[in-house]
Amino acid sequence: MPGQSFHFTPALPLSAQPLPHLTFLGRAGFSGFPSPAQDYEPCTLDLNTRLVKHPTQTFYVTATGDSMEGWGIFEGDLLVVDRGIEPRLGHILVAMLEGEVLIKRYSLYQGTPHLCSTHPHYPPLPLEGTDCKLWGVVRAVIHEYVR
């Protein structure tokens, strides 16, 4: 289906080493010029721990198209997809519907399960009576502002 396709990337760890992560703290009630070191508390952020809950069941997808922009998925975004999550209404799924791989939201439309986008050019796709295979639930979207 036009509007949303992707490129598979093998499921490799996002980061083998924790990366620096700064937490900025607001300060009030002090006088004088504060040390820049007092304005943040250094710690580390390991993207594996944060985004990958089932490492052996996780893979990555790079999105293209415009059908999911209303849910914050844009062309070039990296999706973290987890096959170990049981899909529920409201989840964004990667699924193969009638032989075509799609990224859509699992929703009820007119009382029946559908795969839906946010773009008006792509109507809801009914699941009843179709050959639909779930590939995984989108756990996170990594959107780069500068590429």
N, C-alpha and C. Protein backbone atom coordinates (compact mmCIF):
# COMPACT_ATOMS: atom_id res chain seq x y z
N MET A 1 0.85 -1.18 0.00
CA MET A 1 0.00 0.00 0.00
C MET A 1 0.88 1.23 0.00
N PRO A 2 0.62 2.21 -0.85
CA PRO A 2 1.41 3.43 -0.85
C PRO A 2 1.24 4.17 0.46
N GLY A 3 2.23 4.96 0.81
CA GLY A 3 2.11 5.82 1.97
C GLY A 3 2.96 5.41 3.15
N GLN A 4 3.22 4.13 3.33
CA GLN A 4 4.05 3.72 4.45
C GLN A 4 4.78 2.44 4.07
N SER A 5 6.06 2.52 3.97
CA SER A 5 6.88 1.35 3.74
C SER A 5 8.10 1.50 4.62
N PHE A 6 9.02 0.56 4.56
CA PHE A 6 10.17 0.65 5.43
C PHE A 6 11.27 -0.25 4.95
N HIS A 7 12.39 -0.10 5.60
CA HIS A 7 13.58 -0.89 5.30
C HIS A 7 13.98 -1.59 6.60
N PHE A 8 14.15 -2.92 6.55
CA PHE A 8 14.52 -3.67 7.76
C PHE A 8 16.00 -3.52 8.06
N THR A 9 16.31 -3.40 9.32
CA THR A 9 17.67 -3.39 9.81
C THR A 9 17.79 -4.55 10.78
N PRO A 10 18.83 -5.37 10.70
CA PRO A 10 18.95 -6.49 11.64
C PRO A 10 18.91 -6.03 13.09
N ALA A 11 18.33 -6.86 13.94
CA ALA A 11 18.19 -6.52 15.36
C ALA A 11 19.52 -6.69 16.07
N LEU A 12 20.29 -5.63 16.10
CA LEU A 12 21.56 -5.58 16.82
C LEU A 12 21.37 -4.63 17.99
N PRO A 13 22.17 -4.74 19.02
CA PRO A 13 22.03 -3.81 20.15
C PRO A 13 22.16 -2.36 19.69
N LEU A 14 21.36 -1.48 20.28
CA LEU A 14 21.43 -0.07 19.94
C LEU A 14 22.75 0.55 20.39
N SER A 15 23.23 0.12 21.53
CA SER A 15 24.46 0.67 22.09
C SER A 15 25.08 -0.37 23.00
N ALA A 16 26.33 -0.64 22.81
CA ALA A 16 27.01 -1.60 23.67
C ALA A 16 27.54 -0.93 24.92
N GLN A 17 27.49 0.39 24.95
CA GLN A 17 28.06 1.14 26.07
C GLN A 17 27.10 2.24 26.48
N PRO A 18 26.88 2.43 27.79
CA PRO A 18 26.01 3.52 28.22
C PRO A 18 26.55 4.86 27.73
N LEU A 19 25.66 5.74 27.33
CA LEU A 19 26.03 7.05 26.82
C LEU A 19 25.76 8.10 27.88
N PRO A 20 26.50 9.22 27.86
CA PRO A 20 26.25 10.28 28.83
C PRO A 20 24.82 10.80 28.71
N HIS A 21 24.22 11.09 29.85
CA HIS A 21 22.86 11.60 29.87
C HIS A 21 22.81 12.67 30.95
N LEU A 22 22.43 13.88 30.58
CA LEU A 22 22.40 14.98 31.53
C LEU A 22 20.97 15.25 31.96
N THR A 23 20.77 15.43 33.25
CA THR A 23 19.47 15.80 33.79
C THR A 23 19.62 17.21 34.33
N PHE A 24 18.90 18.16 33.73
CA PHE A 24 19.00 19.54 34.18
C PHE A 24 18.04 19.77 35.34
N LEU A 25 18.55 20.41 36.38
CA LEU A 25 17.77 20.67 37.58
C LEU A 25 17.52 22.17 37.70
N GLY A 26 16.28 22.56 37.96
CA GLY A 26 15.98 23.97 38.18
C GLY A 26 16.43 24.39 39.57
N ARG A 27 16.98 25.60 39.66
CA ARG A 27 17.45 26.09 40.96
C ARG A 27 16.80 27.46 41.21
N ALA A 28 16.41 27.67 42.45
CA ALA A 28 15.85 28.96 42.84
C ALA A 28 16.34 29.30 44.24
N GLY A 29 16.42 30.58 44.55
CA GLY A 29 16.76 31.01 45.89
C GLY A 29 18.25 31.06 46.19
N PHE A 30 19.11 31.12 45.18
CA PHE A 30 20.54 31.27 45.47
C PHE A 30 21.01 32.60 44.90
N SER A 31 22.12 33.10 45.44
CA SER A 31 22.64 34.38 44.96
C SER A 31 24.04 34.17 44.43
N GLY A 32 24.49 35.12 43.63
CA GLY A 32 25.82 35.00 43.04
C GLY A 32 25.76 34.22 41.75
N PHE A 33 26.93 34.02 41.17
CA PHE A 33 27.04 33.30 39.91
C PHE A 33 27.27 31.82 40.21
N PRO A 34 26.33 30.94 39.84
CA PRO A 34 26.49 29.53 40.16
C PRO A 34 27.51 28.86 39.24
N SER A 35 28.09 27.82 39.74
CA SER A 35 28.98 26.99 38.93
C SER A 35 28.15 26.26 37.89
N PRO A 36 28.61 26.20 36.62
CA PRO A 36 27.87 25.43 35.61
C PRO A 36 27.68 23.97 36.02
N ALA A 37 28.57 23.44 36.82
CA ALA A 37 28.47 22.04 37.26
C ALA A 37 27.29 21.83 38.19
N GLN A 38 26.76 22.89 38.81
CA GLN A 38 25.63 22.74 39.72
C GLN A 38 24.31 22.64 38.98
N ASP A 39 24.29 22.96 37.70
CA ASP A 39 23.04 22.99 36.95
C ASP A 39 22.63 21.64 36.37
N TYR A 40 23.47 20.67 36.47
CA TYR A 40 23.08 19.36 35.95
C TYR A 40 23.68 18.25 36.79
N GLU A 41 23.05 17.13 36.71
CA GLU A 41 23.51 15.95 37.42
C GLU A 41 23.89 14.90 36.38
N PRO A 42 25.17 14.57 36.23
CA PRO A 42 25.55 13.62 35.20
C PRO A 42 25.14 12.20 35.56
N CYS A 43 24.73 11.44 34.57
CA CYS A 43 24.45 10.03 34.72
C CYS A 43 24.60 9.41 33.33
N THR A 44 24.30 8.16 33.19
CA THR A 44 24.41 7.54 31.87
C THR A 44 23.05 7.05 31.41
N LEU A 45 22.92 6.90 30.13
CA LEU A 45 21.69 6.41 29.52
C LEU A 45 22.07 5.29 28.56
N ASP A 46 21.62 4.08 28.84
CA ASP A 46 21.86 2.94 27.97
C ASP A 46 20.58 2.70 27.17
N LEU A 47 20.64 2.93 25.86
CA LEU A 47 19.44 2.77 25.04
C LEU A 47 18.94 1.33 25.00
N ASN A 48 19.81 0.37 25.19
CA ASN A 48 19.35 -1.02 25.28
C ASN A 48 18.40 -1.19 26.45
N THR A 49 18.80 -0.68 27.61
CA THR A 49 17.97 -0.81 28.81
C THR A 49 16.68 -0.03 28.66
N ARG A 50 16.76 1.13 28.06
CA ARG A 50 15.59 2.00 27.95
C ARG A 50 14.58 1.53 26.91
N LEU A 51 15.04 1.06 25.75
CA LEU A 51 14.13 0.79 24.63
C LEU A 51 13.94 -0.68 24.28
N VAL A 52 14.86 -1.55 24.66
CA VAL A 52 14.79 -2.96 24.25
C VAL A 52 14.47 -3.81 25.47
N LYS A 53 13.23 -4.27 25.57
CA LYS A 53 12.80 -5.09 26.71
C LYS A 53 12.93 -6.59 26.41
N HIS A 54 12.86 -6.99 25.15
CA HIS A 54 12.98 -8.38 24.73
C HIS A 54 14.04 -8.45 23.63
N PRO A 55 15.34 -8.46 24.00
CA PRO A 55 16.41 -8.36 23.00
C PRO A 55 16.35 -9.39 21.87
N THR A 56 15.97 -10.62 22.19
CA THR A 56 15.95 -11.64 21.14
C THR A 56 14.73 -11.53 20.25
N GLN A 57 13.78 -10.65 20.62
CA GLN A 57 12.57 -10.50 19.83
C GLN A 57 12.40 -9.08 19.28
N THR A 58 13.48 -8.32 19.27
CA THR A 58 13.43 -6.92 18.85
C THR A 58 14.14 -6.74 17.52
N PHE A 59 13.53 -5.94 16.63
CA PHE A 59 14.18 -5.56 15.39
C PHE A 59 13.85 -4.10 15.11
N TYR A 60 14.51 -3.53 14.11
CA TYR A 60 14.38 -2.11 13.81
C TYR A 60 13.88 -1.93 12.39
N VAL A 61 13.11 -0.88 12.19
CA VAL A 61 12.52 -0.56 10.90
C VAL A 61 12.71 0.93 10.66
N THR A 62 13.11 1.30 9.44
CA THR A 62 13.17 2.70 9.06
C THR A 62 11.94 3.02 8.23
N ALA A 63 11.13 3.97 8.69
CA ALA A 63 9.86 4.30 8.04
C ALA A 63 10.06 5.24 6.86
N THR A 64 9.21 5.08 5.87
CA THR A 64 9.08 6.04 4.78
C THR A 64 7.59 6.28 4.57
N GLY A 65 7.26 7.38 3.97
CA GLY A 65 5.87 7.67 3.68
C GLY A 65 5.26 8.61 4.70
N ASP A 66 3.97 8.90 4.51
CA ASP A 66 3.30 9.91 5.31
C ASP A 66 2.06 9.42 6.05
N SER A 67 1.75 8.14 5.97
CA SER A 67 0.47 7.68 6.51
C SER A 67 0.40 7.68 8.04
N MET A 68 1.54 7.78 8.73
CA MET A 68 1.52 7.72 10.19
C MET A 68 2.02 9.02 10.84
N GLU A 69 2.14 10.09 10.07
CA GLU A 69 2.64 11.35 10.62
C GLU A 69 1.78 11.86 11.78
N GLY A 70 0.49 11.64 11.74
CA GLY A 70 -0.39 12.09 12.83
C GLY A 70 -0.11 11.41 14.15
N TRP A 71 0.58 10.28 14.13
CA TRP A 71 0.98 9.58 15.35
C TRP A 71 2.47 9.72 15.59
N GLY A 72 3.11 10.68 14.93
CA GLY A 72 4.50 10.99 15.22
C GLY A 72 5.53 10.10 14.55
N ILE A 73 5.15 9.40 13.48
CA ILE A 73 6.10 8.58 12.73
C ILE A 73 6.30 9.26 11.38
N PHE A 74 7.53 9.70 11.13
CA PHE A 74 7.85 10.46 9.92
C PHE A 74 8.85 9.70 9.06
N GLU A 75 8.95 10.11 7.82
CA GLU A 75 9.92 9.55 6.87
C GLU A 75 11.31 9.54 7.50
N GLY A 76 11.97 8.39 7.49
CA GLY A 76 13.32 8.27 8.01
C GLY A 76 13.42 7.93 9.49
N ASP A 77 12.30 7.94 10.21
CA ASP A 77 12.35 7.59 11.64
C ASP A 77 12.71 6.12 11.81
N LEU A 78 13.43 5.84 12.88
CA LEU A 78 13.80 4.47 13.23
C LEU A 78 12.80 3.96 14.26
N LEU A 79 12.16 2.83 13.96
CA LEU A 79 11.18 2.24 14.86
C LEU A 79 11.81 1.05 15.57
N VAL A 80 11.62 0.97 16.87
CA VAL A 80 12.04 -0.19 17.65
C VAL A 80 10.80 -1.07 17.76
N VAL A 81 10.87 -2.28 17.18
CA VAL A 81 9.71 -3.16 17.08
C VAL A 81 9.96 -4.40 17.93
N ASP A 82 9.00 -4.71 18.79
CA ASP A 82 9.12 -5.82 19.74
C ASP A 82 8.09 -6.90 19.41
N ARG A 83 8.57 -8.09 19.09
CA ARG A 83 7.69 -9.23 18.80
C ARG A 83 7.18 -9.87 20.08
N GLY A 84 7.72 -9.50 21.24
CA GLY A 84 7.35 -10.11 22.51
C GLY A 84 6.19 -9.41 23.21
N ILE A 85 5.62 -8.37 22.62
CA ILE A 85 4.50 -7.64 23.23
C ILE A 85 3.20 -8.15 22.61
N GLU A 86 2.25 -8.47 23.46
CA GLU A 86 0.92 -8.88 22.98
C GLU A 86 0.19 -7.63 22.47
N PRO A 87 -0.23 -7.61 21.21
CA PRO A 87 -0.87 -6.39 20.67
C PRO A 87 -2.22 -6.12 21.33
N ARG A 88 -2.46 -4.83 21.60
CA ARG A 88 -3.73 -4.37 22.15
C ARG A 88 -4.22 -3.20 21.30
N LEU A 89 -5.50 -2.91 21.41
CA LEU A 89 -6.05 -1.76 20.70
C LEU A 89 -5.26 -0.51 21.06
N GLY A 90 -4.92 0.27 20.07
CA GLY A 90 -4.15 1.49 20.27
C GLY A 90 -2.67 1.32 19.97
N HIS A 91 -2.17 0.08 19.98
CA HIS A 91 -0.76 -0.13 19.64
C HIS A 91 -0.53 0.12 18.16
N ILE A 92 0.67 0.58 17.85
CA ILE A 92 1.10 0.68 16.46
C ILE A 92 1.83 -0.61 16.13
N LEU A 93 1.41 -1.24 15.04
CA LEU A 93 1.90 -2.56 14.67
C LEU A 93 2.67 -2.52 13.36
N VAL A 94 3.58 -3.47 13.22
CA VAL A 94 4.15 -3.81 11.93
C VAL A 94 3.51 -5.15 11.60
N ALA A 95 2.78 -5.20 10.50
CA ALA A 95 2.03 -6.40 10.15
C ALA A 95 2.07 -6.62 8.64
N MET A 96 1.88 -7.87 8.26
CA MET A 96 1.74 -8.20 6.84
C MET A 96 0.26 -8.49 6.61
N LEU A 97 -0.38 -7.67 5.79
CA LEU A 97 -1.79 -7.81 5.48
C LEU A 97 -1.93 -8.13 4.01
N GLU A 98 -2.45 -9.32 3.73
CA GLU A 98 -2.63 -9.77 2.34
C GLU A 98 -1.32 -9.66 1.55
N GLY A 99 -0.21 -10.03 2.19
CA GLY A 99 1.09 -10.05 1.52
C GLY A 99 1.83 -8.73 1.48
N GLU A 100 1.27 -7.70 2.07
CA GLU A 100 1.91 -6.38 2.08
C GLU A 100 2.26 -5.97 3.51
N VAL A 101 3.51 -5.58 3.74
CA VAL A 101 3.94 -5.19 5.08
C VAL A 101 3.57 -3.72 5.32
N LEU A 102 2.95 -3.46 6.48
CA LEU A 102 2.44 -2.14 6.81
C LEU A 102 2.81 -1.74 8.22
N ILE A 103 2.83 -0.44 8.46
CA ILE A 103 2.93 0.12 9.81
C ILE A 103 1.63 0.87 10.02
N LYS A 104 0.80 0.38 10.95
CA LYS A 104 -0.52 0.97 11.18
C LYS A 104 -0.90 0.82 12.64
N ARG A 105 -1.89 1.58 13.05
CA ARG A 105 -2.40 1.50 14.42
C ARG A 105 -3.56 0.50 14.48
N TYR A 106 -3.53 -0.36 15.49
CA TYR A 106 -4.56 -1.37 15.70
C TYR A 106 -5.73 -0.69 16.41
N SER A 107 -6.88 -0.59 15.72
CA SER A 107 -8.01 0.17 16.23
C SER A 107 -9.33 -0.52 15.92
N LEU A 108 -10.36 -0.07 16.61
CA LEU A 108 -11.71 -0.47 16.24
C LEU A 108 -12.27 0.62 15.33
N TYR A 109 -12.82 0.20 14.21
CA TYR A 109 -13.46 1.13 13.28
C TYR A 109 -14.81 0.54 12.95
N GLN A 110 -15.87 1.27 13.23
CA GLN A 110 -17.23 0.79 13.05
C GLN A 110 -17.44 -0.54 13.76
N GLY A 111 -16.80 -0.67 14.94
CA GLY A 111 -17.01 -1.82 15.80
C GLY A 111 -16.20 -3.07 15.47
N THR A 112 -15.35 -3.02 14.44
CA THR A 112 -14.54 -4.19 14.08
C THR A 112 -13.06 -3.81 14.04
N PRO A 113 -12.16 -4.79 14.25
CA PRO A 113 -10.72 -4.50 14.24
C PRO A 113 -10.24 -4.07 12.85
N HIS A 114 -9.44 -3.00 12.85
CA HIS A 114 -8.87 -2.46 11.62
C HIS A 114 -7.42 -2.04 11.88
N LEU A 115 -6.66 -1.91 10.81
CA LEU A 115 -5.37 -1.24 10.85
C LEU A 115 -5.59 0.14 10.25
N CYS A 116 -5.22 1.18 11.01
CA CYS A 116 -5.55 2.55 10.61
C CYS A 116 -4.31 3.43 10.54
N SER A 117 -4.37 4.40 9.64
CA SER A 117 -3.35 5.45 9.56
C SER A 117 -4.02 6.75 9.97
N THR A 118 -3.27 7.85 9.94
CA THR A 118 -3.87 9.15 10.25
C THR A 118 -4.10 9.98 9.00
N HIS A 119 -3.59 9.55 7.88
CA HIS A 119 -3.70 10.31 6.64
C HIS A 119 -5.04 9.99 5.97
N PRO A 120 -5.79 11.01 5.57
CA PRO A 120 -7.11 10.76 4.98
C PRO A 120 -7.08 10.00 3.65
N HIS A 121 -5.93 9.95 2.99
CA HIS A 121 -5.84 9.22 1.72
C HIS A 121 -5.74 7.71 1.90
N TYR A 122 -5.55 7.26 3.15
CA TYR A 122 -5.39 5.83 3.42
C TYR A 122 -6.52 5.37 4.34
N PRO A 123 -7.53 4.71 3.81
CA PRO A 123 -8.68 4.31 4.62
C PRO A 123 -8.31 3.19 5.59
N PRO A 124 -9.12 3.02 6.65
CA PRO A 124 -8.90 1.90 7.58
C PRO A 124 -8.98 0.57 6.84
N LEU A 125 -8.11 -0.35 7.23
CA LEU A 125 -8.05 -1.66 6.59
C LEU A 125 -8.65 -2.71 7.53
N PRO A 126 -9.75 -3.35 7.14
CA PRO A 126 -10.38 -4.34 8.01
C PRO A 126 -9.50 -5.58 8.16
N LEU A 127 -9.53 -6.18 9.35
CA LEU A 127 -8.74 -7.38 9.60
C LEU A 127 -9.57 -8.66 9.48
N GLU A 128 -10.85 -8.57 9.72
CA GLU A 128 -11.71 -9.76 9.65
C GLU A 128 -11.72 -10.31 8.24
N GLY A 129 -11.50 -11.62 8.14
CA GLY A 129 -11.54 -12.29 6.85
C GLY A 129 -10.31 -12.05 5.99
N THR A 130 -9.22 -11.53 6.58
CA THR A 130 -8.01 -11.28 5.80
C THR A 130 -6.87 -12.15 6.32
N ASP A 131 -5.83 -12.23 5.54
CA ASP A 131 -4.62 -12.91 5.95
C ASP A 131 -3.68 -11.86 6.54
N CYS A 132 -3.67 -11.76 7.88
CA CYS A 132 -2.84 -10.76 8.55
C CYS A 132 -1.88 -11.46 9.49
N LYS A 133 -0.60 -11.17 9.34
CA LYS A 133 0.44 -11.72 10.19
C LYS A 133 1.12 -10.58 10.95
N LEU A 134 1.11 -10.68 12.27
CA LEU A 134 1.75 -9.66 13.10
C LEU A 134 3.25 -9.88 13.11
N TRP A 135 4.01 -8.83 12.83
CA TRP A 135 5.47 -8.89 12.90
C TRP A 135 5.96 -8.33 14.22
N GLY A 136 5.22 -7.41 14.81
CA GLY A 136 5.62 -6.86 16.09
C GLY A 136 4.89 -5.57 16.42
N VAL A 137 5.07 -5.13 17.66
CA VAL A 137 4.49 -3.89 18.18
C VAL A 137 5.59 -2.85 18.22
N VAL A 138 5.30 -1.65 17.72
CA VAL A 138 6.27 -0.56 17.76
C VAL A 138 6.38 -0.09 19.20
N ARG A 139 7.57 -0.25 19.76
CA ARG A 139 7.82 0.12 21.15
C ARG A 139 8.30 1.57 21.27
N ALA A 140 9.07 2.04 20.27
CA ALA A 140 9.62 3.39 20.34
C ALA A 140 9.88 3.91 18.93
N VAL A 141 9.88 5.21 18.81
CA VAL A 141 10.21 5.88 17.56
C VAL A 141 11.39 6.80 17.85
N ILE A 142 12.44 6.68 17.06
CA ILE A 142 13.60 7.55 17.20
C ILE A 142 13.55 8.52 16.05
N HIS A 143 13.30 9.79 16.37
CA HIS A 143 13.16 10.83 15.34
C HIS A 143 14.36 11.76 15.44
N GLU A 144 15.14 11.82 14.40
CA GLU A 144 16.32 12.71 14.37
C GLU A 144 15.91 14.06 13.80
N TYR A 145 16.25 15.12 14.50
CA TYR A 145 15.95 16.46 14.01
C TYR A 145 16.99 16.95 13.04
N VAL A 146 18.22 16.52 13.21
CA VAL A 146 19.31 16.89 12.31
C VAL A 146 19.83 15.61 11.69
N ARG A 147 19.81 15.54 10.37
CA ARG A 147 20.29 14.33 9.68
C ARG A 147 21.44 14.69 8.80
